[in-house]
Amino acid sequence: MATTSPFNSRSSADDVLRGRDLSGQVIIVTGANTGIGYETARSLAAAGATVIATCRSAEKAAATRQRLLQAHPDSVVDSAVMDLGSLASVSDFCAQLPHSRIDTIICNAGIVAPGYAETVDGFEQTVGVCHVGHFLLVQKLLPKLLAAPAPRVVMVSSESHRAPPRLNFDALPYPKDKFSPMKAYGQGKLCNALMAVELQRRYAEKGLTACYLHPGTMVTTEIGRDSAIVRFAMWLARPFTKTANQGAATSVFCATWENRSELAGNYFSHCARAKPSAETANADAARRLWELSENWVRAYK
């Protein structure tokens, strides 16, 4: 199970990319305006990649691009508006993307909703943002991904993918009358894991590599932006956890590690392969989620 990675739990994204030249690679990072998303985008831009940083609003997108260019004036950075809670917004982003090829998509954005809420398309917000929006993004950009010589999709999941232990299709997305913020989040992160597994199964023969990861416990992020309880818990834990740059390390590792066979369909934590939940080996669940998700986004494909 072990990888040959020289990195560990204290490695940073900058450590992972030190000495690397990613010139010519086009990489999309969702949720790039803050926390591990921003550090993922910044470190990749510093290593020479063309980075497309997506954010929920035009204001955040412009500010993020300015910050990235201030940090690395010679980098090639663009920013774009994409609200993963709106399938129309995801579809518009994909339609306006000028690049003929995408090397890597890092599905980083996520949310812990404090109470039940729905996306504009009627999905429970946590699963809608964490999974449904990312599913449409990857679906629409598959032709551009498969045009790349060694395309990758990196799903930022979480150790929370272990709860629920099985994906309950009768409660997907999470029902309003049984809503629990952390259970809904776990369900969304399990969807991320199963999506990566099914992507690998379906497209490995076409050269695509997909994997999923845990960035680190309670790293600096806006994931709890709508929950005072989550924000307070993260503030208490911050002195004992990873910095945002360390939290971005495993995302960057999975996006750039040269031994793609070690990544394929696997789960990573602390820049090394880790053991996921048993449900991620449930091929029927991964296939069923994929087919259900295709139905959910059919109008926008």
Protein backbone atom coordinates (compact mmCIF):
# COMPACT_ATOMS: atom_id res chain seq x y z
CA MET A 1 0.00 0.00 0.00
CA ALA A 2 2.88 2.41 0.66
CA THR A 3 3.94 4.91 -1.96
CA THR A 4 7.50 5.92 -2.69
CA SER A 5 6.73 9.48 -1.63
CA PRO A 6 9.47 11.28 0.34
CA PHE A 7 6.88 13.61 1.87
CA ASN A 8 4.95 13.38 5.14
CA SER A 9 2.34 15.05 7.33
CA ARG A 10 4.45 18.17 7.86
CA SER A 11 5.38 18.68 4.20
CA SER A 12 4.00 21.76 2.48
CA ALA A 13 2.77 22.26 -1.06
CA ASP A 14 5.94 24.26 -1.71
CA ASP A 15 8.04 21.32 -0.47
CA VAL A 16 6.27 18.97 -2.87
CA LEU A 17 6.86 21.25 -5.85
CA ARG A 18 10.39 22.42 -5.05
CA GLY A 19 12.49 22.11 -8.20
CA ARG A 20 9.53 21.15 -10.40
CA ASP A 21 8.73 22.89 -13.69
CA LEU A 22 5.07 22.59 -14.62
CA SER A 23 5.25 24.92 -17.62
CA GLY A 24 2.69 24.03 -20.25
CA GLN A 25 0.29 22.29 -17.86
CA VAL A 26 -3.20 23.76 -17.52
CA ILE A 27 -4.71 23.11 -14.10
CA ILE A 28 -8.14 24.08 -12.74
CA VAL A 29 -8.54 24.55 -8.98
CA THR A 30 -12.06 25.02 -7.62
CA GLY A 31 -12.64 27.10 -4.50
CA ALA A 32 -9.31 28.85 -5.02
CA ASN A 33 -9.97 32.09 -3.17
CA THR A 34 -9.06 30.91 0.32
CA GLY A 35 -7.42 28.27 2.50
CA ILE A 36 -6.06 25.14 0.88
CA GLY A 37 -7.62 26.06 -2.45
CA TYR A 38 -5.67 29.30 -2.60
CA GLU A 39 -2.42 27.63 -1.50
CA THR A 40 -2.94 24.86 -4.06
CA ALA A 41 -3.38 27.42 -6.84
CA ARG A 42 -0.51 29.60 -5.65
CA SER A 43 2.04 26.79 -5.36
CA LEU A 44 1.13 25.38 -8.77
CA ALA A 45 1.40 28.83 -10.35
CA ALA A 46 4.79 29.33 -8.69
CA ALA A 47 5.96 26.07 -10.31
CA GLY A 48 5.02 27.35 -13.76
CA ALA A 49 1.60 25.82 -14.37
CA THR A 50 -1.14 27.79 -16.07
CA VAL A 51 -3.66 27.96 -13.24
CA ILE A 52 -7.37 28.63 -13.61
CA ALA A 53 -8.65 29.61 -10.17
CA THR A 54 -12.43 29.37 -9.85
CA CYS A 55 -14.42 31.30 -7.26
CA ARG A 56 -18.10 31.82 -6.46
CA SER A 57 -18.27 35.50 -7.40
CA ALA A 58 -16.64 37.98 -9.77
CA GLU A 59 -15.36 39.97 -6.80
CA LYS A 60 -13.64 36.94 -5.25
CA ALA A 61 -12.27 35.87 -8.64
CA ALA A 62 -10.70 39.26 -9.33
CA ALA A 63 -9.23 39.53 -5.82
CA THR A 64 -7.81 35.99 -6.03
CA ARG A 65 -6.11 36.63 -9.35
CA GLN A 66 -4.60 39.84 -7.98
CA ARG A 67 -3.26 38.03 -4.88
CA LEU A 68 -1.77 35.24 -6.98
CA LEU A 69 -0.03 37.65 -9.32
CA GLN A 70 1.26 39.73 -6.42
CA ALA A 71 2.76 36.58 -4.93
CA HIS A 72 4.24 35.43 -8.25
CA PRO A 73 4.30 38.25 -10.82
CA ASP A 74 5.65 36.08 -13.63
CA SER A 75 3.06 33.33 -13.21
CA VAL A 76 0.30 32.51 -15.70
CA VAL A 77 -2.93 32.84 -13.76
CA ASP A 78 -6.53 33.34 -14.69
CA SER A 79 -9.58 33.39 -12.49
CA ALA A 80 -13.18 32.69 -13.33
CA VAL A 81 -16.59 32.70 -11.75
CA MET A 82 -18.09 29.29 -11.07
CA ASP A 83 -20.69 28.65 -8.40
CA LEU A 84 -20.81 24.91 -7.82
CA GLY A 85 -24.25 25.37 -6.30
CA SER A 86 -25.59 26.32 -9.72
CA LEU A 87 -25.43 23.88 -12.63
CA ALA A 88 -26.00 26.79 -15.02
CA SER A 89 -22.93 28.55 -13.59
CA VAL A 90 -20.82 25.39 -13.98
CA SER A 91 -22.06 24.96 -17.54
CA ASP A 92 -21.30 28.59 -18.40
CA PHE A 93 -17.77 28.31 -17.01
CA CYS A 94 -17.08 25.24 -19.15
CA ALA A 95 -18.55 26.85 -22.28
CA GLN A 96 -16.39 29.96 -21.87
CA LEU A 97 -13.13 28.14 -21.13
CA PRO A 98 -10.76 29.06 -23.98
CA HIS A 99 -8.26 26.24 -23.50
CA SER A 100 -8.39 23.30 -25.89
CA ARG A 101 -6.76 21.01 -23.33
CA ILE A 102 -6.97 20.65 -19.56
CA ASP A 103 -4.26 18.62 -17.85
CA THR A 104 -5.70 18.45 -14.33
CA ILE A 105 -8.85 19.36 -12.45
CA ILE A 106 -8.51 19.66 -8.68
CA CYS A 107 -12.01 19.47 -7.22
CA ASN A 108 -11.23 21.31 -4.01
CA ALA A 109 -14.31 23.38 -3.12
CA GLY A 110 -16.70 22.18 -0.44
CA ILE A 111 -19.06 23.31 2.27
CA VAL A 112 -20.49 22.30 5.64
CA ALA A 113 -23.99 23.74 5.76
CA PRO A 114 -25.20 24.64 9.30
CA GLY A 115 -28.77 23.73 8.43
CA TYR A 116 -30.78 22.33 5.59
CA ALA A 117 -30.59 24.43 2.44
CA GLU A 118 -30.84 23.74 -1.25
CA THR A 119 -28.87 24.77 -4.30
CA VAL A 120 -30.63 26.72 -7.02
CA ASP A 121 -31.28 23.38 -8.74
CA GLY A 122 -32.98 21.89 -5.69
CA PHE A 123 -30.21 19.64 -4.34
CA GLU A 124 -29.33 19.58 -0.66
CA GLN A 125 -26.56 22.17 -0.50
CA THR A 126 -23.70 20.06 0.87
CA VAL A 127 -24.00 17.24 -1.66
CA GLY A 128 -24.95 19.76 -4.34
CA VAL A 129 -21.72 21.74 -3.93
CA CYS A 130 -19.33 18.94 -2.94
CA HIS A 131 -20.48 16.41 -5.51
CA VAL A 132 -23.12 17.41 -8.07
CA GLY A 133 -21.42 20.60 -9.24
CA HIS A 134 -18.04 18.87 -9.51
CA PHE A 135 -19.59 15.94 -11.35
CA LEU A 136 -20.99 18.24 -14.04
CA LEU A 137 -17.68 20.12 -14.26
CA VAL A 138 -15.72 16.94 -14.96
CA GLN A 139 -18.38 15.57 -17.31
CA LYS A 140 -18.40 18.68 -19.48
CA LEU A 141 -14.62 18.96 -19.54
CA LEU A 142 -13.90 15.27 -20.24
CA PRO A 143 -13.14 15.92 -23.94
CA LYS A 144 -10.56 18.56 -22.98
CA LEU A 145 -9.13 16.34 -20.26
CA LEU A 146 -8.79 13.38 -22.59
CA ALA A 147 -7.02 15.62 -25.12
CA ALA A 148 -4.16 16.00 -22.60
CA PRO A 149 -1.25 13.52 -22.66
CA ALA A 150 -1.69 12.44 -19.03
CA PRO A 151 -4.93 13.91 -17.61
CA ARG A 152 -5.82 13.79 -13.93
CA VAL A 153 -8.82 14.45 -11.73
CA VAL A 154 -8.05 15.01 -8.05
CA MET A 155 -11.01 14.87 -5.66
CA VAL A 156 -10.46 16.60 -2.32
CA SER A 157 -12.46 14.25 -0.11
CA SER A 158 -11.94 13.84 3.65
CA GLU A 159 -11.64 11.30 6.42
CA SER A 160 -15.31 12.18 6.86
CA HIS A 161 -16.03 9.92 3.89
CA ARG A 162 -16.13 7.06 6.45
CA ALA A 163 -19.45 8.27 7.90
CA PRO A 164 -21.87 7.10 6.61
CA PRO A 165 -20.29 3.65 6.29
CA ARG A 166 -22.45 3.00 3.23
CA LEU A 167 -24.01 5.42 0.75
CA ASN A 168 -27.76 5.47 1.40
CA PHE A 169 -29.36 6.07 -1.98
CA ASP A 170 -32.76 6.48 -0.32
CA ALA A 171 -31.39 9.54 1.48
CA LEU A 172 -29.34 11.07 -1.35
CA PRO A 173 -29.20 14.03 -1.34
CA TYR A 174 -29.81 14.32 2.39
CA PRO A 175 -33.51 14.63 3.30
CA LYS A 176 -34.69 17.76 5.06
CA ASP A 177 -36.48 15.94 7.89
CA LYS A 178 -33.33 13.98 8.87
CA PHE A 179 -30.69 16.61 8.11
CA SER A 180 -27.43 16.59 10.07
CA PRO A 181 -24.62 18.91 8.95
CA MET A 182 -21.76 16.49 9.53
CA LYS A 183 -23.63 13.46 8.21
CA ALA A 184 -24.48 15.38 5.05
CA TYR A 185 -20.84 16.43 4.76
CA GLY A 186 -19.70 12.82 5.16
CA GLN A 187 -22.13 11.79 2.47
CA GLY A 188 -20.78 14.46 0.13
CA LYS A 189 -17.19 13.40 0.77
CA LEU A 190 -18.07 9.74 0.18
CA CYS A 191 -19.57 10.82 -3.14
CA ASN A 192 -16.21 12.47 -3.96
CA ALA A 193 -14.43 9.20 -3.24
CA LEU A 194 -16.81 7.04 -5.26
CA MET A 195 -16.68 9.49 -8.16
CA ALA A 196 -12.88 9.19 -8.30
CA VAL A 197 -13.09 5.39 -8.19
CA GLU A 198 -15.63 5.27 -11.02
CA LEU A 199 -13.73 7.84 -13.10
CA GLN A 200 -10.67 5.64 -12.87
CA ARG A 201 -12.65 2.54 -13.87
CA ARG A 202 -14.32 4.20 -16.85
CA TYR A 203 -11.46 6.22 -18.29
CA ALA A 204 -8.17 4.61 -17.27
CA GLU A 205 -7.83 3.02 -20.71
CA LYS A 206 -8.07 6.51 -22.23
CA GLY A 207 -5.15 7.69 -20.10
CA LEU A 208 -6.98 9.44 -17.27
CA THR A 209 -5.85 9.09 -13.66
CA ALA A 210 -8.27 9.85 -10.82
CA CYS A 211 -7.69 9.75 -7.08
CA TYR A 212 -9.10 11.20 -3.87
CA LEU A 213 -7.57 12.55 -0.69
CA HIS A 214 -7.80 13.85 2.84
CA PRO A 215 -6.05 17.25 3.06
CA GLY A 216 -5.56 17.20 6.83
CA THR A 217 -7.75 17.62 9.85
CA MET A 218 -9.25 21.07 10.44
CA VAL A 219 -6.91 22.98 8.17
CA THR A 220 -7.50 26.68 7.57
CA THR A 221 -10.39 26.94 5.14
CA GLU A 222 -13.76 28.57 4.47
CA ILE A 223 -15.56 25.23 4.47
CA GLY A 224 -17.46 26.25 7.58
CA ARG A 225 -18.21 29.73 6.35
CA ASP A 226 -21.94 29.33 7.05
CA SER A 227 -21.57 27.64 10.44
CA ALA A 228 -20.44 29.50 13.57
CA ILE A 229 -19.95 26.19 15.38
CA VAL A 230 -17.62 24.80 12.70
CA ARG A 231 -15.67 28.07 12.52
CA PHE A 232 -15.23 28.11 16.31
CA ALA A 233 -14.09 24.47 16.39
CA MET A 234 -11.54 25.17 13.66
CA TRP A 235 -10.27 28.23 15.53
CA LEU A 236 -9.73 26.12 18.67
CA ALA A 237 -7.93 23.38 16.76
CA ARG A 238 -5.78 25.60 14.55
CA PRO A 239 -2.63 25.65 16.75
CA PHE A 240 -2.49 21.85 16.59
CA THR A 241 -3.19 21.30 12.91
CA LYS A 242 -1.74 21.94 9.48
CA THR A 243 -1.21 25.32 7.92
CA ALA A 244 -3.06 25.99 4.68
CA ASN A 245 0.15 25.38 2.72
CA GLN A 246 0.60 22.03 4.46
CA GLY A 247 -3.06 21.25 3.87
CA ALA A 248 -2.55 21.83 0.15
CA ALA A 249 0.41 19.44 -0.01
CA THR A 250 -1.54 16.26 -0.70
CA SER A 251 -3.64 17.95 -3.41
CA VAL A 252 -0.48 19.15 -5.13
CA PHE A 253 1.16 15.76 -4.64
CA CYS A 254 -1.73 13.97 -6.32
CA ALA A 255 -1.78 16.51 -9.14
CA THR A 256 1.93 16.16 -9.96
CA TRP A 257 3.35 12.86 -8.65
CA GLU A 258 5.08 11.27 -11.61
CA ASN A 259 4.22 7.66 -10.77
CA ARG A 260 0.60 7.76 -11.89
CA SER A 261 0.09 4.04 -11.31
CA GLU A 262 0.46 4.66 -7.57
CA LEU A 263 -2.31 7.25 -7.71
CA ALA A 264 -4.84 5.44 -9.86
CA GLY A 265 -8.18 5.12 -8.06
CA ASN A 266 -6.53 5.35 -4.65
CA TYR A 267 -6.93 7.39 -1.46
CA PHE A 268 -4.17 9.65 -0.10
CA SER A 269 -3.40 11.40 3.16
CA HIS A 270 -0.19 13.18 4.21
CA CYS A 271 1.18 12.74 0.65
CA ALA A 272 1.01 8.95 0.89
CA ARG A 273 -1.48 6.25 0.04
CA ALA A 274 -3.94 5.55 2.86
CA LYS A 275 -6.63 2.98 3.56
CA PRO A 276 -10.12 4.27 2.68
CA SER A 277 -13.48 3.06 3.93
CA ALA A 278 -14.77 -0.30 2.75
CA GLU A 279 -17.58 1.41 0.83
CA THR A 280 -15.11 2.88 -1.66
CA ALA A 281 -14.52 -0.67 -2.92
CA ASN A 282 -18.24 -1.10 -3.59
CA ALA A 283 -18.25 -1.09 -7.38
CA ASP A 284 -22.05 -1.25 -7.53
CA ALA A 285 -22.36 1.87 -5.35
CA ALA A 286 -19.83 3.78 -7.48
CA ARG A 287 -21.61 2.81 -10.70
CA ARG A 288 -25.05 3.59 -9.28
CA LEU A 289 -23.92 7.01 -8.03
CA TRP A 290 -22.44 7.80 -11.44
CA GLU A 291 -25.65 6.89 -13.26
CA LEU A 292 -27.78 8.82 -10.78
CA SER A 293 -25.51 11.85 -11.12
CA GLU A 294 -25.76 11.67 -14.92
CA ASN A 295 -29.53 11.90 -14.57
CA TRP A 296 -29.22 14.85 -12.20
CA VAL A 297 -27.13 16.90 -14.64
CA ARG A 298 -28.60 15.62 -17.90
CA ALA A 299 -30.22 18.95 -18.79
CA TYR A 300 -26.79 20.66 -18.74
CA LYS A 301 -24.67 18.05 -20.52
